Protein backbone atom coordinates (compact mmCIF):
# COMPACT_ATOMS: atom_id res chain seq x y z
CA MET A 1 -13.47 9.91 11.35
CA THR A 2 -14.93 7.16 12.86
CA ARG A 3 -15.35 4.06 11.88
CA SER A 4 -18.42 4.20 10.64
CA GLN A 5 -17.07 6.32 7.51
CA GLU A 6 -17.93 3.19 5.00
CA PRO A 7 -15.25 2.36 2.13
CA MET A 8 -16.80 1.64 -1.00
CA ASN A 9 -19.27 -0.65 -1.56
CA PRO A 10 -18.44 -3.50 -4.15
CA THR A 11 -22.38 -4.65 -4.13
CA THR A 12 -23.64 -0.99 -5.32
CA ARG A 13 -20.37 -0.45 -7.84
CA PRO A 14 -21.02 -3.49 -9.92
CA LYS A 15 -17.41 -2.75 -11.99
CA LEU A 16 -15.90 -3.31 -8.59
CA LYS A 17 -15.81 -6.74 -7.50
CA LEU A 18 -13.63 -8.02 -4.21
CA GLY A 19 -11.42 -10.94 -5.42
CA ALA A 20 -11.80 -10.04 -9.05
CA LYS A 21 -8.49 -9.98 -10.99
CA GLN A 22 -8.25 -6.76 -13.25
CA SER A 23 -6.42 -6.45 -16.21
CA ARG A 24 -3.95 -3.37 -16.26
CA VAL A 25 -4.43 -0.75 -18.79
CA ASN A 26 -2.64 2.79 -18.65
CA ARG A 27 -6.05 4.87 -18.55
CA ARG A 28 -4.05 8.00 -19.24
CA ALA A 29 -2.45 6.92 -21.97
CA PHE A 30 -5.15 5.40 -23.65
CA LEU A 31 -7.07 8.68 -23.30
CA ARG A 32 -4.73 11.16 -24.78
CA GLY A 33 -5.25 9.79 -27.96
CA ALA A 34 -9.16 10.20 -27.73
CA GLY A 35 -10.88 12.76 -29.79
CA THR A 36 -8.38 11.73 -32.59
CA VAL A 37 -8.36 8.68 -35.35
CA ALA A 38 -4.75 7.96 -34.08
CA ILE A 39 -6.10 6.03 -31.48
CA GLY A 40 -3.58 2.76 -31.44
CA LEU A 41 -4.55 2.53 -34.94
CA PRO A 42 -3.20 -0.90 -36.74
CA PHE A 43 -0.46 -1.04 -39.37
CA LEU A 44 -2.67 -0.07 -42.10
CA GLU A 45 -0.47 -1.14 -45.44
CA GLY A 46 -2.21 1.57 -47.06
CA LEU A 47 -1.55 4.72 -45.69
CA PRO A 48 2.08 6.22 -45.14
CA GLU A 49 2.11 6.68 -40.98
CA ARG A 50 1.83 3.92 -38.47
CA SER A 51 0.41 5.31 -34.93
CA ALA A 52 0.97 2.92 -31.39
CA TRP A 53 -1.23 2.81 -28.41
CA ALA A 54 1.46 3.04 -25.30
CA GLN A 55 -0.08 -0.02 -22.90
CA ASN A 56 1.27 -0.11 -19.42
CA ASP A 57 3.44 -3.18 -18.52
CA ASN A 58 1.03 -4.99 -15.89
CA PRO A 59 2.50 -2.77 -13.42
CA ILE A 60 2.03 -4.40 -9.53
CA PHE A 61 2.31 -1.90 -6.69
CA SER A 62 4.06 -1.99 -3.37
CA PHE A 63 3.06 -0.53 0.27
CA PHE A 64 5.55 -1.63 3.13
CA ILE A 65 3.74 -0.05 6.51
CA VAL A 66 6.05 -0.54 9.86
CA SER A 67 4.27 0.05 13.34
CA ALA A 68 5.87 1.29 16.46
CA HIS A 69 6.70 -1.03 19.47
CA GLY A 70 6.18 -4.82 18.16
CA VAL A 71 3.47 -7.10 19.57
CA VAL A 72 1.82 -9.29 22.17
CA HIS A 73 2.84 -12.44 20.62
CA ASP A 74 0.37 -14.43 22.69
CA ARG A 75 -2.18 -12.32 21.75
CA PHE A 76 -1.82 -11.54 18.20
CA TRP A 77 -1.39 -14.50 16.11
CA PRO A 78 -4.29 -17.67 15.36
CA GLU A 79 -3.43 -21.07 15.00
CA MET A 80 -0.69 -22.02 12.32
CA GLY A 81 -2.08 -23.39 9.26
CA ALA A 82 -5.03 -22.36 6.27
CA LEU A 83 -6.79 -19.15 7.21
CA THR A 84 -10.41 -18.91 6.60
CA GLN A 85 -12.89 -15.59 7.28
CA GLU A 86 -14.97 -18.15 9.55
CA GLY A 87 -11.78 -19.27 11.59
CA LEU A 88 -10.40 -15.91 11.72
CA ALA A 89 -13.13 -14.33 13.10
CA ALA A 90 -13.93 -16.66 15.44
CA SER A 91 -10.41 -16.00 16.87
CA SER A 92 -10.01 -14.17 19.92
CA ASN A 93 -6.57 -13.17 18.80
CA ALA A 94 -5.70 -9.23 17.51
CA THR A 95 -5.95 -10.44 13.34
CA ALA A 96 -9.41 -11.76 14.08
CA ALA A 97 -9.78 -8.71 12.72
CA LEU A 98 -8.26 -8.99 9.51
CA ALA A 99 -10.90 -11.98 8.78
CA ASN A 100 -12.90 -10.58 5.81
CA HIS A 101 -9.66 -10.69 4.17
CA ALA A 102 -8.59 -14.38 5.05
CA ALA A 103 -8.32 -15.23 1.63
CA ASN A 104 -5.60 -12.39 0.47
CA LEU A 105 -3.39 -12.97 3.85
CA THR A 106 -0.16 -14.57 4.71
CA LEU A 107 0.92 -14.21 8.49
CA LEU A 108 4.78 -15.00 8.72
CA GLN A 109 6.57 -15.48 11.97
CA GLY A 110 10.43 -16.23 12.16
CA VAL A 111 11.83 -13.63 10.27
CA ASN A 112 14.64 -11.75 11.85
CA TYR A 113 17.06 -8.78 11.27
CA PRO A 114 20.87 -8.85 10.40
CA MET A 115 21.26 -7.61 14.47
CA ARG A 116 20.26 -10.24 17.15
CA SER A 117 19.22 -7.37 20.10
CA PRO A 118 19.83 -3.67 20.15
CA THR A 119 22.84 -2.43 21.33
CA ASN A 120 21.53 1.00 21.96
CA CYS A 121 17.86 2.28 21.14
CA GLY A 122 15.99 -0.52 20.07
CA HIS A 123 13.38 1.79 18.55
CA ALA A 124 15.94 3.61 16.34
CA GLN A 125 17.82 1.03 15.22
CA GLY A 126 14.91 -1.62 14.43
CA LEU A 127 13.55 1.38 12.07
CA CYS A 128 16.82 1.80 10.16
CA MET A 129 16.78 -2.35 9.90
CA ALA A 130 12.98 -2.57 8.79
CA LEU A 131 12.84 -1.76 5.08
CA THR A 132 17.12 -1.93 4.44
CA ALA A 133 17.69 -5.60 6.38
CA ARG A 134 21.30 -3.95 7.29
CA ALA A 135 22.67 -3.49 10.62
CA SER A 136 22.03 -0.07 12.03
CA GLN A 137 24.25 2.46 12.91
CA GLY A 138 24.34 4.29 15.98
CA GLY A 139 21.22 5.14 18.38
CA GLY A 140 18.60 7.38 19.46
CA ARG A 141 17.74 10.45 17.30
CA ASP A 142 21.25 9.73 15.63
CA ALA A 143 20.49 6.07 14.35
CA GLN A 144 21.39 5.94 10.70
CA SER A 145 20.63 2.85 8.59
CA THR A 146 23.78 1.72 6.52
CA GLY A 147 21.98 1.38 2.88
CA ILE A 148 19.19 1.73 0.80
CA SER A 149 15.72 0.76 1.74
CA ALA A 150 13.82 -1.51 -0.10
CA ASP A 151 11.07 1.00 -0.91
CA VAL A 152 13.63 3.09 -2.96
CA TYR A 153 15.74 0.11 -4.32
CA ILE A 154 11.97 -0.79 -5.92
CA ALA A 155 11.78 2.51 -7.38
CA ASP A 156 14.78 2.97 -8.71
CA ALA A 157 14.78 -0.43 -10.22
CA LEU A 158 11.24 0.36 -12.16
CA GLY A 159 12.45 3.78 -13.03
CA GLY A 160 9.51 5.94 -13.08
CA GLY A 161 10.03 8.04 -10.41
CA GLU A 162 10.55 8.70 -6.57
CA ALA A 163 9.12 5.95 -3.62
CA LEU A 164 6.48 8.02 -1.53
CA ALA A 165 7.26 8.34 2.13
CA LEU A 166 4.14 8.62 4.29
CA TYR A 167 4.13 9.28 8.45
CA ALA A 168 1.84 8.86 11.11
CA GLY A 169 2.99 9.93 14.22
CA ASN A 170 3.81 13.65 16.10
CA LYS A 171 6.88 14.61 14.03
CA ARG A 172 6.79 17.45 17.34
CA ASN A 173 8.12 14.67 19.77
CA GLY A 174 11.90 15.57 18.36
CA TYR A 175 13.51 12.23 19.21
CA ILE A 176 13.17 9.49 16.42
CA VAL A 177 10.28 10.49 13.88
CA GLU A 178 11.51 9.41 10.40
CA ARG A 179 13.97 6.26 9.92
CA LEU A 180 11.85 4.17 7.65
CA SER A 181 13.00 5.57 4.13
CA PHE A 182 16.35 5.76 2.83
CA ASN A 183 18.24 6.65 -0.07
CA GLY A 184 21.18 4.75 -1.05
CA GLY A 185 25.05 5.76 -0.53
CA GLY A 186 27.44 5.12 1.72
CA ALA A 187 25.04 5.23 4.74
CA GLY A 188 21.51 5.51 3.70
CA GLN A 189 20.16 8.88 4.11
CA VAL A 190 16.94 9.58 5.80
CA ARG A 191 13.86 10.81 3.34
CA PRO A 192 11.40 12.77 4.72
CA ALA A 193 7.88 11.76 5.01
CA ASP A 194 4.60 13.42 4.93
CA ASP A 195 2.85 13.23 8.10
CA ASN A 196 -0.14 15.54 6.62
CA PRO A 197 -2.85 12.98 3.98
CA TYR A 198 -4.03 16.25 2.56
CA GLY A 199 -1.14 16.69 0.33
CA LEU A 200 -1.49 13.05 -1.41
CA TYR A 201 -5.27 14.52 -2.01
CA GLN A 202 -4.35 17.08 -3.35
CA SER A 203 -1.70 15.61 -5.58
CA LEU A 204 -4.96 12.80 -6.83
CA THR A 205 -8.29 15.11 -6.84
CA GLY A 206 -6.30 16.09 -10.49
CA LEU A 207 -6.22 12.86 -11.52
CA VAL A 208 -9.47 11.17 -10.44
CA GLY A 209 -12.84 11.42 -12.21
CA ASN A 210 -15.60 13.13 -11.07
CA ASP A 211 -17.74 11.38 -8.70
CA SER A 212 -21.41 11.75 -7.08
CA SER A 213 -20.18 10.28 -4.10
CA ALA A 214 -17.09 12.65 -3.17
CA SER A 215 -16.16 16.44 -3.53
CA THR A 216 -12.75 15.90 -4.90
CA GLY A 217 -12.72 19.84 -5.31
CA THR A 218 -11.51 19.09 -9.23
CA THR A 219 -12.59 17.04 -12.27
CA GLY A 220 -10.63 15.00 -14.80
CA SER A 221 -11.24 16.19 -18.48
CA SER A 222 -14.68 15.99 -19.99
CA LEU A 223 -13.67 13.07 -22.77
CA ALA A 224 -12.24 11.10 -19.61
CA ASP A 225 -15.67 11.65 -17.72
CA GLU A 226 -17.24 10.60 -20.88
CA LEU A 227 -15.14 7.69 -21.52
CA VAL A 228 -14.80 6.69 -17.70
CA LEU A 229 -18.05 7.52 -15.90
CA THR A 230 -20.60 7.12 -18.81
CA ARG A 231 -18.75 4.36 -20.70
CA THR A 232 -18.80 5.96 -24.00
CA SER A 233 -16.96 4.52 -26.23
CA VAL A 234 -14.12 5.96 -28.18
CA ASN A 235 -15.81 4.90 -31.56
CA ASP A 236 -18.78 6.38 -31.23
CA LEU A 237 -17.20 10.13 -30.05
CA ILE A 238 -15.32 9.65 -33.38
CA ARG A 239 -17.78 7.85 -35.33
CA ASP A 240 -17.48 10.18 -38.43
CA GLU A 241 -13.73 9.91 -38.10
CA LEU A 242 -14.02 6.02 -38.35
CA GLU A 243 -16.60 6.39 -41.37
CA ALA A 244 -14.19 8.90 -43.58
CA LEU A 245 -11.18 6.14 -43.17
CA LEU A 246 -13.19 2.98 -43.29
CA ALA A 247 -14.07 5.15 -47.12
CA ASN A 248 -10.51 5.67 -48.60
CA PRO A 249 -10.23 3.75 -51.74
CA ALA A 250 -6.10 3.52 -50.41
CA LEU A 251 -7.36 0.72 -47.98
CA SER A 252 -7.62 -2.23 -49.03
CA THR A 253 -9.83 -5.59 -47.79
CA GLU A 254 -7.66 -6.42 -45.50
CA ASP A 255 -6.77 -3.47 -44.05
CA ARG A 256 -10.52 -2.37 -43.23
CA ALA A 257 -11.03 -6.28 -42.12
CA ARG A 258 -7.90 -5.27 -39.97
CA LEU A 259 -9.09 -1.84 -38.88
CA GLN A 260 -12.78 -3.59 -37.56
CA GLN A 261 -10.95 -5.99 -35.39
CA HIS A 262 -9.10 -3.13 -33.98
CA PHE A 263 -11.72 -1.24 -32.82
CA ASP A 264 -13.77 -4.15 -32.03
CA SER A 265 -10.95 -4.54 -29.68
CA ILE A 266 -11.08 -1.15 -28.35
CA ARG A 267 -15.05 -1.92 -26.92
CA ASP A 268 -13.21 -4.56 -24.98
CA ALA A 269 -10.40 -2.39 -23.48
CA GLU A 270 -12.91 0.24 -22.61
CA VAL A 271 -14.44 -2.48 -20.28
CA THR A 272 -11.54 -2.56 -18.91
CA MET A 273 -10.70 1.00 -18.46
CA GLY A 274 -14.75 1.45 -16.71
CA GLU A 275 -13.03 -0.65 -13.71
CA ILE A 276 -9.89 0.94 -13.82
CA GLY A 277 -12.15 4.39 -14.12
CA GLU A 278 -14.02 3.19 -10.52
CA ALA A 279 -10.84 2.25 -9.10
CA CYS A 280 -9.47 5.41 -9.98
CA SER A 281 -11.95 7.34 -7.97
CA MET A 282 -12.58 9.10 -4.43
CA ALA A 283 -15.84 6.78 -3.55
CA GLY A 284 -15.70 5.95 -0.04
CA ILE A 285 -12.77 8.43 0.73
CA ASN A 286 -13.55 10.47 3.87
CA THR A 287 -13.27 13.98 1.77
CA SER A 288 -14.42 15.94 4.08
CA ALA A 289 -11.45 15.17 6.84
CA LEU A 290 -9.10 15.23 4.53
CA GLU A 291 -10.43 18.67 3.24
CA ALA A 292 -10.25 19.92 7.19
CA MET A 293 -6.24 18.89 6.99
CA GLN A 294 -5.82 21.78 4.24
CA THR A 295 -4.73 24.00 7.01
CA GLY A 296 -4.03 24.48 10.40
CA PHE A 297 -2.81 20.66 10.36
CA ARG A 298 -1.67 19.74 14.05
CA PHE A 299 -1.07 16.29 15.35
CA ASP A 300 -2.49 15.29 18.47
CA THR A 301 -1.23 12.20 20.61
CA ASN A 302 -5.11 11.39 21.78
CA GLY A 303 -5.77 8.73 19.26
CA MET A 304 -5.53 10.81 15.55
CA ILE A 305 -2.95 8.37 14.76
CA GLU A 306 -5.32 5.70 13.83
CA ASP A 307 -7.99 8.07 11.43
CA VAL A 308 -4.25 9.51 9.86
CA VAL A 309 -3.28 5.99 9.05
CA GLU A 310 -6.56 5.10 7.74
CA LEU A 311 -6.62 8.18 5.71
CA HIS A 312 -3.11 7.81 4.48
CA MET A 313 -4.31 3.65 3.39
CA GLN A 314 -7.14 5.20 1.68
CA LEU A 315 -5.44 7.39 -0.41
CA VAL A 316 -2.87 5.03 -0.94
CA ALA A 317 -5.50 2.76 -2.85
CA VAL A 318 -6.93 5.77 -4.97
CA ALA A 319 -2.84 6.10 -6.08
CA PHE A 320 -2.85 2.79 -6.83
CA GLY A 321 -5.82 2.71 -8.34
CA CYS A 322 -4.74 5.13 -10.52
CA GLY A 323 -0.99 4.25 -11.26
CA LEU A 324 0.12 7.28 -9.61
CA HIS A 325 2.68 5.63 -7.60
CA ARG A 326 4.37 2.75 -7.78
CA THR A 327 5.68 2.19 -4.36
CA VAL A 328 4.94 3.76 -0.71
CA SER A 329 6.26 3.59 2.83
CA LEU A 330 4.48 4.31 5.84
CA GLN A 331 5.60 4.86 9.19
CA TRP A 332 3.22 4.22 12.08
CA GLY A 333 4.16 6.05 15.16
CA ASP A 334 7.22 7.47 16.68
CA GLY A 335 10.43 5.73 17.68
CA THR A 336 9.49 6.63 21.41
CA ASP A 337 5.45 7.18 20.34
CA GLN A 338 3.73 9.20 22.75
CA THR A 339 0.29 8.31 22.11
CA ARG A 340 -2.30 7.63 24.71
CA TYR A 341 -4.40 5.37 23.57
CA GLN A 342 -7.93 5.21 24.97
CA VAL A 343 -8.17 1.28 24.96
CA PRO A 344 -10.08 -0.09 28.28
CA SER A 345 -6.87 -1.21 30.18
CA ASN A 346 -5.46 2.05 29.79
CA GLN A 347 -7.96 4.11 31.42
CA SER A 348 -6.17 3.56 34.69
CA LEU A 349 -2.99 4.52 33.83
CA ASN A 350 -2.82 6.94 31.07
CA TRP A 351 0.60 5.90 30.03
CA PRO A 352 1.47 7.04 26.48
CA PHE A 353 2.25 3.68 24.17
CA HIS A 354 5.85 3.88 24.51
CA HIS A 355 5.39 3.32 28.30
CA VAL A 356 2.24 0.37 27.66
CA SER A 357 5.36 -1.13 25.57
CA HIS A 358 7.86 -1.19 28.07
CA ARG A 359 5.15 -2.04 30.76
CA ALA A 360 6.36 0.33 33.23
CA PRO A 361 6.14 4.31 33.10
CA SER A 362 10.12 4.61 31.78
CA ASP A 363 11.76 5.56 28.54
CA GLY A 364 15.06 3.74 29.50
CA SER A 365 13.65 0.40 31.51
CA SER A 366 11.34 -2.45 31.44
CA GLY A 367 8.69 -3.52 33.61
CA THR A 368 5.94 -6.49 34.42
CA ASN A 369 2.43 -4.52 35.16
CA PRO A 370 -0.09 -6.80 33.77
CA THR A 371 -2.59 -4.13 32.77
CA ALA A 372 0.43 -2.34 30.84
CA GLU A 373 0.31 -6.14 28.97
CA ALA A 374 -3.32 -6.06 28.32
CA ALA A 375 -3.55 -2.19 27.07
CA HIS A 376 -0.89 -3.17 24.56
CA ALA A 377 -2.45 -6.33 23.40
CA GLU A 378 -6.03 -3.84 22.80
CA VAL A 379 -3.99 -1.41 21.04
CA ASP A 380 -2.66 -4.37 18.83
CA ALA A 381 -6.32 -5.06 18.20
CA LEU A 382 -7.17 -1.38 17.17
CA ARG A 383 -4.31 -1.22 15.28
CA MET A 384 -5.44 -4.34 12.99
CA GLN A 385 -8.95 -2.95 12.89
CA THR A 386 -7.54 0.20 11.32
CA LEU A 387 -5.53 -2.21 9.15
CA ALA A 388 -8.40 -3.71 8.46
CA ALA A 389 -10.61 -0.41 7.21
CA GLY A 390 -7.84 0.44 4.83
CA LEU A 391 -7.55 -2.69 3.00
CA ASP A 392 -11.30 -2.54 2.68
CA HIS A 393 -10.11 0.38 0.20
CA PHE A 394 -7.34 -2.00 -1.80
CA ALA A 395 -9.95 -5.04 -1.96
CA ALA A 396 -12.94 -3.10 -3.28
CA ARG A 397 -10.00 -1.30 -6.17
CA GLY A 398 -9.11 -5.02 -7.07
CA LEU A 399 -5.69 -4.39 -6.17
CA GLN A 400 -4.88 -7.87 -4.25
CA ASP A 401 -4.04 -9.24 -7.60
CA ARG A 402 -2.51 -6.31 -8.44
CA SER A 403 -0.07 -5.46 -5.20
CA PHE A 404 1.25 -6.56 -2.38
CA VAL A 405 0.66 -4.35 1.31
CA TYR A 406 3.46 -5.85 3.80
CA TRP A 407 3.01 -4.87 7.31
CA SER A 408 4.93 -5.04 10.32
CA SER A 409 6.57 -3.97 13.45
CA HIS A 410 9.97 -2.18 14.37
CA VAL A 411 10.83 -4.42 17.16
CA SER A 412 8.91 -8.04 17.87
CA ASP A 413 7.49 -6.88 21.20
CA GLY A 414 7.93 -3.87 23.49
CA PRO A 415 9.53 -5.23 27.12
CA THR A 416 12.58 -6.72 25.25
CA HIS A 417 12.76 -4.71 22.02
CA SER A 418 14.07 -8.03 19.93
CA PHE A 419 15.08 -7.90 16.61
CA GLN A 420 14.36 -11.78 16.14
CA ASN A 421 10.16 -13.10 15.46
CA LEU A 422 9.43 -9.82 14.02
CA PRO A 423 5.68 -10.24 13.52
CA ILE A 424 5.05 -9.78 9.50
CA ILE A 425 1.67 -9.88 7.46
CA ILE A 426 1.48 -9.87 3.91
CA TRP A 427 -1.85 -9.10 1.34
CA GLY A 428 -2.19 -9.55 -1.75
CA ASN A 429 -0.61 -11.87 -4.65
CA ALA A 430 2.04 -9.13 -6.38
CA GLY A 431 0.20 -10.69 -9.96
CA GLY A 432 0.84 -14.06 -8.17
CA TYR A 433 4.15 -14.09 -7.95
CA ILE A 434 3.32 -14.17 -3.56
CA LYS A 435 1.59 -17.09 -2.45
CA THR A 436 -2.01 -16.27 -0.49
CA GLY A 437 -5.06 -18.09 -0.13
CA GLY A 438 -5.24 -17.37 3.51
CA GLN A 439 -1.76 -19.30 5.27
CA HIS A 440 -0.29 -18.63 9.04
CA LEU A 441 3.17 -19.66 8.54
CA SER A 442 6.14 -20.05 10.72
CA VAL A 443 10.04 -20.10 8.32
CA GLU A 444 13.57 -19.34 9.49
CA ALA A 445 14.94 -16.33 7.63
CA GLY A 446 16.11 -13.15 7.82
CA MET A 447 14.76 -9.30 6.75
CA ASN A 448 16.95 -9.62 3.81
CA ASN A 449 15.32 -12.74 2.71
CA MET A 450 11.86 -11.47 2.83
CA MET A 451 12.96 -7.90 1.22
CA ASN A 452 14.43 -10.10 -1.18
CA THR A 453 11.23 -11.64 -2.22
CA LEU A 454 9.05 -8.62 -1.66
CA ILE A 455 11.63 -6.34 -4.22
CA SER A 456 11.76 -9.73 -6.95
CA ALA A 457 7.14 -9.26 -6.87
CA ALA A 458 7.14 -5.76 -7.29
CA THR A 459 10.07 -5.55 -10.04
CA GLY A 460 9.63 -8.47 -11.75
CA THR A 461 13.33 -9.04 -11.49
CA THR A 462 14.70 -11.92 -9.54
CA VAL A 463 16.94 -10.20 -6.72
CA GLU A 464 18.72 -12.45 -3.95
CA ASP A 465 21.35 -10.25 -2.67
CA PHE A 466 19.60 -7.23 -1.19
CA GLY A 467 20.42 -6.43 2.28
CA GLU A 468 23.05 -8.07 4.33
CA GLY A 469 22.77 -12.04 5.46
CA ASN A 470 22.10 -15.55 3.13
CA ALA A 471 21.25 -14.85 -0.35
CA GLY A 472 18.00 -15.53 -1.37
CA GLN A 473 14.33 -15.27 -0.87
CA ILE A 474 11.70 -16.80 1.48
CA ALA A 475 10.74 -20.26 -0.93
CA GLU A 476 7.21 -20.54 1.21
CA LEU A 477 5.97 -16.95 -0.12
CA ILE A 478 6.59 -17.53 -3.56
CA THR A 479 4.00 -19.44 -5.94
């Protein structure tokens, strides 16, 4: 896969507009009744039975991404204050790659883990705290959380299924692999994460409608294709049944008026479903790369990680557009990541990223190699390009008003493995709960305050006491 793989272009798909807020409709619930006159009929006094259309309750989708090894702060951030597309693009820092998304971004500094610094392996301990906001226990391959992670908490609160855990990295590394998503209990139990994007792709192909721009392998029902892809009206599909019902002598004048008003509203709903139908499609997705992963998937350490991250992000955008998953986590890199990034400054070193982040060719000590620092900054920029490419798919599906994408790193920087001033990027406003409009803020807050804010946004219920630390949310992030 290359960066030339274009995401769905909203200029050629008029129902999808970047920045346009989409209404929330449960497409599958709507389609289940299609073909019968029982599609959401209003209560008709002259008929003995009443049916109802189960409409969704404006779901908010949450995506947590945590990468490895921190950032080079003085080459990562733009100036504090308001963000504009032009200003961010003109910046020489890594986040310049996110310029097209400036209006939907919040860049945040000043959030700290409950542990101030590592007491063992900072990589493992940081991962264990990243979504739990609780001090970790142990270290290295034996590190564990001391509580549930935010993604699992959200899934439990919504009662709609498990949180999906994804992974981009080399599980054969065999040292610090999955350490991001944790079930509850006395000590949080790490959850296995899927490293092959084909698994999520396969689960989506039976749900996504037919699309001429992608080979999904399967199609939705023929009725779904008619409704969503050709915009055929439910009223037209069941015209005979409607006419027979309207002719029923048991209906009063008020019933007839009520019924006509109801089916006029169905046409309005179909416009919204057209938008959701296009959001729930494989348009712009690199299906050829995904299908190549069906058999013989084997991770390599020569840059494959960025392609895997982008594929995961593409598919999560589709999953959210289809309403298949409500909350997802993605671990971006192993605890001691061995990826050899082919960035310019690493050409002479050829160090794995873990060593680059340490500024020394060592797993156990840190140095001051300036070439390695430059290489780390270049990796930061490359990762922001990957993040931007993934966000293109969320934006093209109108998810900026129905979700948030949270990105951070499991430590603040490489050499010190600091747990203070973690880099955080938030995209989307979660139905208006999160203040965006493009801003770069500095706050004084704990990771528990960060997770309280995001959990509240995702669940619609105020949460003040997740994790450990001073209770409350981050007021600067809330509208």
